[in-house]
Amino acid sequence: MFIQLSDVFTSEGKQMRAEAELEMTSFDNGTESYAIIEKSPVSFAFTNLEKGKVLVEGDLLLTLKAVCDRCLAEVPVVLELHAQRIVISPEMGTEDEEADDLSFMEGYQLNVETFVHNEIIDNWPAKILCKSDCKGICPVCGQDRNVRECGCDSFVPDPRMAVIQDIFKAK
């Protein structure tokens, strides 16, 4: 979906509000795809700061389906997005500004899907966990340690001590 912003770019002090339904059903980050379980409409506010310069503000609440990074259990990821971007009109922008500020702009139109995709990437959590004290999966037998302990030896020797351990094993 596109939102036409030519009036906002050309009229100093002009403000405009718009709401857009998000057409995305999944988020693809290039390596994985996450289904969107719930989504609210995207609420936009556009404010002309000066001729050819517009402040774009967008709000959105999304819930995506992902997996825990430790135990691989399915986890809902809730993202409350609030974005503020300053965009420059096509005839006013320089090459550097276009590369940074106008990735979601096509001429005088804002591409809602690209705008939201960029915001999800910017706000994606570094680690997704089912709970903060998730114990993960046993590397030996594959048992989910949150369900029950498996009793496997999980001792990982310090690799810096490998040479000394070799000396003791040789005797």
C-alpha atoms as a PDB file:
ATOM      1  CA  MET A   1       0.000   0.000   0.000  1.00  0.00           C
ATOM      2  CA  PHE A   2       1.188   3.513  -0.802  1.00  0.00           C
ATOM      3  CA  ILE A   3       0.414   6.856   0.853  1.00  0.00           C
ATOM      4  CA  GLN A   4       0.708   9.976  -1.323  1.00  0.00           C
ATOM      5  CA  LEU A   5       2.737  12.732   0.403  1.00  0.00           C
ATOM      6  CA  SER A   6       3.092  15.374  -2.333  1.00  0.00           C
ATOM      7  CA  ASP A   7       0.737  17.809  -0.498  1.00  0.00           C
ATOM      8  CA  VAL A   8       2.731  17.500   2.731  1.00  0.00           C
ATOM      9  CA  PHE A   9       6.059  18.045   0.938  1.00  0.00           C
ATOM     10  CA  THR A  10       4.888  21.225  -0.801  1.00  0.00           C
ATOM     11  CA  SER A  11       2.909  22.985   1.968  1.00  0.00           C
ATOM     12  CA  GLU A  12       4.982  24.399   4.820  1.00  0.00           C
ATOM     13  CA  GLY A  13       3.613  23.511   8.270  1.00  0.00           C
ATOM     14  CA  LYS A  14       1.085  21.047   6.822  1.00  0.00           C
ATOM     15  CA  GLN A  15       0.157  18.068   8.969  1.00  0.00           C
ATOM     16  CA  MET A  16      -1.627  14.948   7.825  1.00  0.00           C
ATOM     17  CA  ARG A  17      -2.749  11.768   9.548  1.00  0.00           C
ATOM     18  CA  ALA A  18      -3.374   8.450   7.850  1.00  0.00           C
ATOM     19  CA  GLU A  19      -4.092   4.879   8.827  1.00  0.00           C
ATOM     20  CA  ALA A  20      -3.152   1.923   6.650  1.00  0.00           C
ATOM     21  CA  GLU A  21      -3.913  -1.771   6.874  1.00  0.00           C
ATOM     22  CA  LEU A  22      -0.763  -3.875   6.777  1.00  0.00           C
ATOM     23  CA  GLU A  23      -0.919  -6.410   3.961  1.00  0.00           C
ATOM     24  CA  MET A  24       2.088  -8.426   5.181  1.00  0.00           C
ATOM     25  CA  THR A  25       1.263 -11.930   6.456  1.00  0.00           C
ATOM     26  CA  SER A  26       4.846 -12.815   7.329  1.00  0.00           C
ATOM     27  CA  PHE A  27       8.179 -11.121   7.975  1.00  0.00           C
ATOM     28  CA  ASP A  28      11.188 -12.374   6.013  1.00  0.00           C
ATOM     29  CA  ASN A  29      14.607 -11.227   7.255  1.00  0.00           C
ATOM     30  CA  GLY A  30      16.569 -12.907   4.472  1.00  0.00           C
ATOM     31  CA  THR A  31      17.341 -16.129   6.339  1.00  0.00           C
ATOM     32  CA  GLU A  32      14.067 -16.976   8.099  1.00  0.00           C
ATOM     33  CA  SER A  33      10.395 -16.226   7.737  1.00  0.00           C
ATOM     34  CA  TYR A  34       8.120 -15.441  10.697  1.00  0.00           C
ATOM     35  CA  ALA A  35       4.317 -15.600  10.476  1.00  0.00           C
ATOM     36  CA  ILE A  36       2.443 -12.533  11.669  1.00  0.00           C
ATOM     37  CA  ILE A  37      -0.197 -13.712  14.152  1.00  0.00           C
ATOM     38  CA  GLU A  38      -1.756 -10.345  15.037  1.00  0.00           C
ATOM     39  CA  LYS A  39      -1.386  -6.850  13.656  1.00  0.00           C
ATOM     40  CA  SER A  40      -2.947  -3.476  14.198  1.00  0.00           C
ATOM     41  CA  PRO A  41      -3.404  -0.884  11.454  1.00  0.00           C
ATOM     42  CA  VAL A  42      -0.396   1.382  10.984  1.00  0.00           C
ATOM     43  CA  SER A  43      -1.109   4.898  12.269  1.00  0.00           C
ATOM     44  CA  PHE A  44       0.877   7.612  10.527  1.00  0.00           C
ATOM     45  CA  ALA A  45       1.400  11.305  11.252  1.00  0.00           C
ATOM     46  CA  PHE A  46       3.160  13.439   8.648  1.00  0.00           C
ATOM     47  CA  THR A  47       4.471  16.919   9.449  1.00  0.00           C
ATOM     48  CA  ASN A  48       6.130  19.321   7.036  1.00  0.00           C
ATOM     49  CA  LEU A  49       9.227  20.682   8.789  1.00  0.00           C
ATOM     50  CA  GLU A  50      10.295  22.951   5.914  1.00  0.00           C
ATOM     51  CA  LYS A  51       9.939  22.967   2.148  1.00  0.00           C
ATOM     52  CA  GLY A  52      10.806  19.496   0.892  1.00  0.00           C
ATOM     53  CA  LYS A  53      11.386  18.010   4.365  1.00  0.00           C
ATOM     54  CA  VAL A  54       8.793  15.861   6.175  1.00  0.00           C
ATOM     55  CA  LEU A  55       8.745  14.118   9.557  1.00  0.00           C
ATOM     56  CA  VAL A  56       7.131  10.682   9.255  1.00  0.00           C
ATOM     57  CA  GLU A  57       5.871   9.083  12.460  1.00  0.00           C
ATOM     58  CA  GLY A  58       4.385   5.597  12.489  1.00  0.00           C
ATOM     59  CA  ASP A  59       2.921   3.378  15.214  1.00  0.00           C
ATOM     60  CA  LEU A  60       2.133  -0.318  14.972  1.00  0.00           C
ATOM     61  CA  LEU A  61       1.609  -3.318  17.259  1.00  0.00           C
ATOM     62  CA  LEU A  62       2.632  -6.699  15.827  1.00  0.00           C
ATOM     63  CA  THR A  63       2.784 -10.254  17.144  1.00  0.00           C
ATOM     64  CA  LEU A  64       4.973 -12.704  15.239  1.00  0.00           C
ATOM     65  CA  LYS A  65       5.510 -16.441  15.672  1.00  0.00           C
ATOM     66  CA  ALA A  66       9.147 -17.382  16.326  1.00  0.00           C
ATOM     67  CA  VAL A  67      11.110 -20.076  18.166  1.00  0.00           C
ATOM     68  CA  CYS A  68      13.138 -19.842  21.362  1.00  0.00           C
ATOM     69  CA  ASP A  69      16.858 -19.541  20.614  1.00  0.00           C
ATOM     70  CA  ARG A  70      17.720 -22.078  23.342  1.00  0.00           C
ATOM     71  CA  CYS A  71      14.984 -24.758  23.398  1.00  0.00           C
ATOM     72  CA  LEU A  72      13.252 -24.237  20.021  1.00  0.00           C
ATOM     73  CA  ALA A  73       9.794 -23.893  21.616  1.00  0.00           C
ATOM     74  CA  GLU A  74       7.309 -21.735  19.727  1.00  0.00           C
ATOM     75  CA  VAL A  75       7.207 -18.205  21.158  1.00  0.00           C
ATOM     76  CA  PRO A  76       5.044 -15.183  20.298  1.00  0.00           C
ATOM     77  CA  VAL A  77       7.197 -12.085  19.732  1.00  0.00           C
ATOM     78  CA  VAL A  78       5.336  -8.844  20.427  1.00  0.00           C
ATOM     79  CA  LEU A  79       6.773  -5.738  18.774  1.00  0.00           C
ATOM     80  CA  GLU A  80       5.406  -2.317  19.648  1.00  0.00           C
ATOM     81  CA  LEU A  81       6.866  -0.123  16.956  1.00  0.00           C
ATOM     82  CA  HIS A  82       7.091   3.655  17.081  1.00  0.00           C
ATOM     83  CA  ALA A  83       9.163   5.136  14.292  1.00  0.00           C
ATOM     84  CA  GLN A  84      10.256   8.677  13.502  1.00  0.00           C
ATOM     85  CA  ARG A  85      11.999   9.326  10.206  1.00  0.00           C
ATOM     86  CA  ILE A  86      12.797  12.542   8.366  1.00  0.00           C
ATOM     87  CA  VAL A  87      12.479  12.266   4.600  1.00  0.00           C
ATOM     88  CA  ILE A  88      13.559  14.678   1.901  1.00  0.00           C
ATOM     89  CA  SER A  89      11.574  15.224  -1.295  1.00  0.00           C
ATOM     90  CA  PRO A  90      13.089  13.639  -4.426  1.00  0.00           C
ATOM     91  CA  GLU A  91      14.109  16.941  -6.035  1.00  0.00           C
ATOM     92  CA  MET A  92      15.687  18.312  -2.828  1.00  0.00           C
ATOM     93  CA  GLY A  93      17.611  15.250  -1.639  1.00  0.00           C
ATOM     94  CA  THR A  94      21.233  14.493  -2.363  1.00  0.00           C
ATOM     95  CA  GLU A  95      22.508  11.027  -3.178  1.00  0.00           C
ATOM     96  CA  ASP A  96      23.635  10.363   0.414  1.00  0.00           C
ATOM     97  CA  GLU A  97      20.314  11.440   1.907  1.00  0.00           C
ATOM     98  CA  GLU A  98      18.340   9.337  -0.568  1.00  0.00           C
ATOM     99  CA  ALA A  99      20.248   6.194   0.362  1.00  0.00           C
ATOM    100  CA  ASP A 100      19.601   6.663   4.087  1.00  0.00           C
ATOM    101  CA  ASP A 101      16.242   8.387   4.372  1.00  0.00           C
ATOM    102  CA  LEU A 102      14.233   7.382   1.328  1.00  0.00           C
ATOM    103  CA  SER A 103      14.491   3.586   1.199  1.00  0.00           C
ATOM    104  CA  PHE A 104      10.743   3.332   1.837  1.00  0.00           C
ATOM    105  CA  MET A 105       9.857   6.252  -0.441  1.00  0.00           C
ATOM    106  CA  GLU A 106       9.020   5.909  -4.127  1.00  0.00           C
ATOM    107  CA  GLY A 107       8.878   9.426  -5.473  1.00  0.00           C
ATOM    108  CA  TYR A 108       6.330  11.241  -3.304  1.00  0.00           C
ATOM    109  CA  GLN A 109       4.706   8.005  -2.104  1.00  0.00           C
ATOM    110  CA  LEU A 110       5.472   6.159   1.113  1.00  0.00           C
ATOM    111  CA  ASN A 111       5.543   2.370   0.711  1.00  0.00           C
ATOM    112  CA  VAL A 112       3.882   1.133   3.929  1.00  0.00           C
ATOM    113  CA  GLU A 113       5.148  -2.459   3.600  1.00  0.00           C
ATOM    114  CA  THR A 114       8.788  -1.393   3.161  1.00  0.00           C
ATOM    115  CA  PHE A 115       8.503   1.133   6.009  1.00  0.00           C
ATOM    116  CA  VAL A 116       7.172  -1.548   8.399  1.00  0.00           C
ATOM    117  CA  HIS A 117       9.708  -4.143   7.204  1.00  0.00           C
ATOM    118  CA  ASN A 118      12.585  -1.730   7.940  1.00  0.00           C
ATOM    119  CA  GLU A 119      11.174  -0.968  11.397  1.00  0.00           C
ATOM    120  CA  ILE A 120      10.834  -4.665  12.259  1.00  0.00           C
ATOM    121  CA  ILE A 121      14.475  -5.206  11.282  1.00  0.00           C
ATOM    122  CA  ASP A 122      15.560  -2.219  13.416  1.00  0.00           C
ATOM    123  CA  ASN A 123      13.573  -3.444  16.443  1.00  0.00           C
ATOM    124  CA  TRP A 124      14.082  -7.214  16.181  1.00  0.00           C
ATOM    125  CA  PRO A 125      15.247  -8.634  19.541  1.00  0.00           C
ATOM    126  CA  ALA A 126      18.842  -9.889  19.700  1.00  0.00           C
ATOM    127  CA  LYS A 127      17.751 -13.084  21.456  1.00  0.00           C
ATOM    128  CA  ILE A 128      14.299 -14.660  21.583  1.00  0.00           C
ATOM    129  CA  LEU A 129      13.657 -16.722  24.715  1.00  0.00           C
ATOM    130  CA  CYS A 130      10.546 -18.574  25.902  1.00  0.00           C
ATOM    131  CA  LYS A 131      11.416 -17.438  29.442  1.00  0.00           C
ATOM    132  CA  SER A 132      14.395 -15.582  30.856  1.00  0.00           C
ATOM    133  CA  ASP A 133      15.796 -18.667  32.621  1.00  0.00           C
ATOM    134  CA  CYS A 134      15.347 -21.102  29.703  1.00  0.00           C
ATOM    135  CA  LYS A 135      17.742 -24.035  30.142  1.00  0.00           C
ATOM    136  CA  GLY A 136      17.784 -25.005  26.469  1.00  0.00           C
ATOM    137  CA  ILE A 137      18.381 -28.373  24.862  1.00  0.00           C
ATOM    138  CA  CYS A 138      20.965 -30.928  26.014  1.00  0.00           C
ATOM    139  CA  PRO A 139      23.783 -30.985  23.431  1.00  0.00           C
ATOM    140  CA  VAL A 140      24.352 -34.709  24.078  1.00  0.00           C
ATOM    141  CA  CYS A 141      20.859 -36.303  23.904  1.00  0.00           C
ATOM    142  CA  GLY A 142      18.616 -33.457  22.707  1.00  0.00           C
ATOM    143  CA  GLN A 143      16.303 -33.460  25.755  1.00  0.00           C
ATOM    144  CA  ASP A 144      14.522 -30.167  26.515  1.00  0.00           C
ATOM    145  CA  ARG A 145      16.021 -29.281  29.914  1.00  0.00           C
ATOM    146  CA  ASN A 146      12.977 -27.155  30.788  1.00  0.00           C
ATOM    147  CA  VAL A 147      10.807 -30.299  30.757  1.00  0.00           C
ATOM    148  CA  ARG A 148      13.185 -32.610  32.657  1.00  0.00           C
ATOM    149  CA  GLU A 149      16.883 -33.078  33.345  1.00  0.00           C
ATOM    150  CA  CYS A 150      18.513 -35.847  31.331  1.00  0.00           C
ATOM    151  CA  GLY A 151      21.581 -36.553  33.481  1.00  0.00           C
ATOM    152  CA  CYS A 152      24.057 -36.317  30.601  1.00  0.00           C
ATOM    153  CA  ASP A 153      27.587 -35.092  31.310  1.00  0.00           C
ATOM    154  CA  SER A 154      27.579 -31.485  30.141  1.00  0.00           C
ATOM    155  CA  PHE A 155      31.121 -30.607  31.284  1.00  0.00           C
ATOM    156  CA  VAL A 156      32.894 -28.588  28.607  1.00  0.00           C
ATOM    157  CA  PRO A 157      36.660 -28.406  29.203  1.00  0.00           C
ATOM    158  CA  ASP A 158      38.484 -25.128  28.760  1.00  0.00           C
ATOM    159  CA  PRO A 159      40.245 -25.350  25.360  1.00  0.00           C
ATOM    160  CA  ARG A 160      43.173 -23.334  26.730  1.00  0.00           C
ATOM    161  CA  MET A 161      43.960 -26.251  29.050  1.00  0.00           C
ATOM    162  CA  ALA A 162      44.054 -28.874  26.251  1.00  0.00           C
ATOM    163  CA  VAL A 163      47.880 -29.004  26.166  1.00  0.00           C
ATOM    164  CA  ILE A 164      48.115 -29.579  29.931  1.00  0.00           C
ATOM    165  CA  GLN A 165      45.410 -32.264  29.749  1.00  0.00           C
ATOM    166  CA  ASP A 166      47.413 -34.045  27.041  1.00  0.00           C
ATOM    167  CA  ILE A 167      50.406 -34.185  29.420  1.00  0.00           C
ATOM    168  CA  PHE A 168      48.320 -35.871  32.128  1.00  0.00           C
ATOM    169  CA  LYS A 169      46.761 -38.314  29.652  1.00  0.00           C
ATOM    170  CA  ALA A 170      50.238 -39.370  28.375  1.00  0.00           C
ATOM    171  CA  LYS A 171      51.282 -40.785  31.792  1.00  0.00           C
END
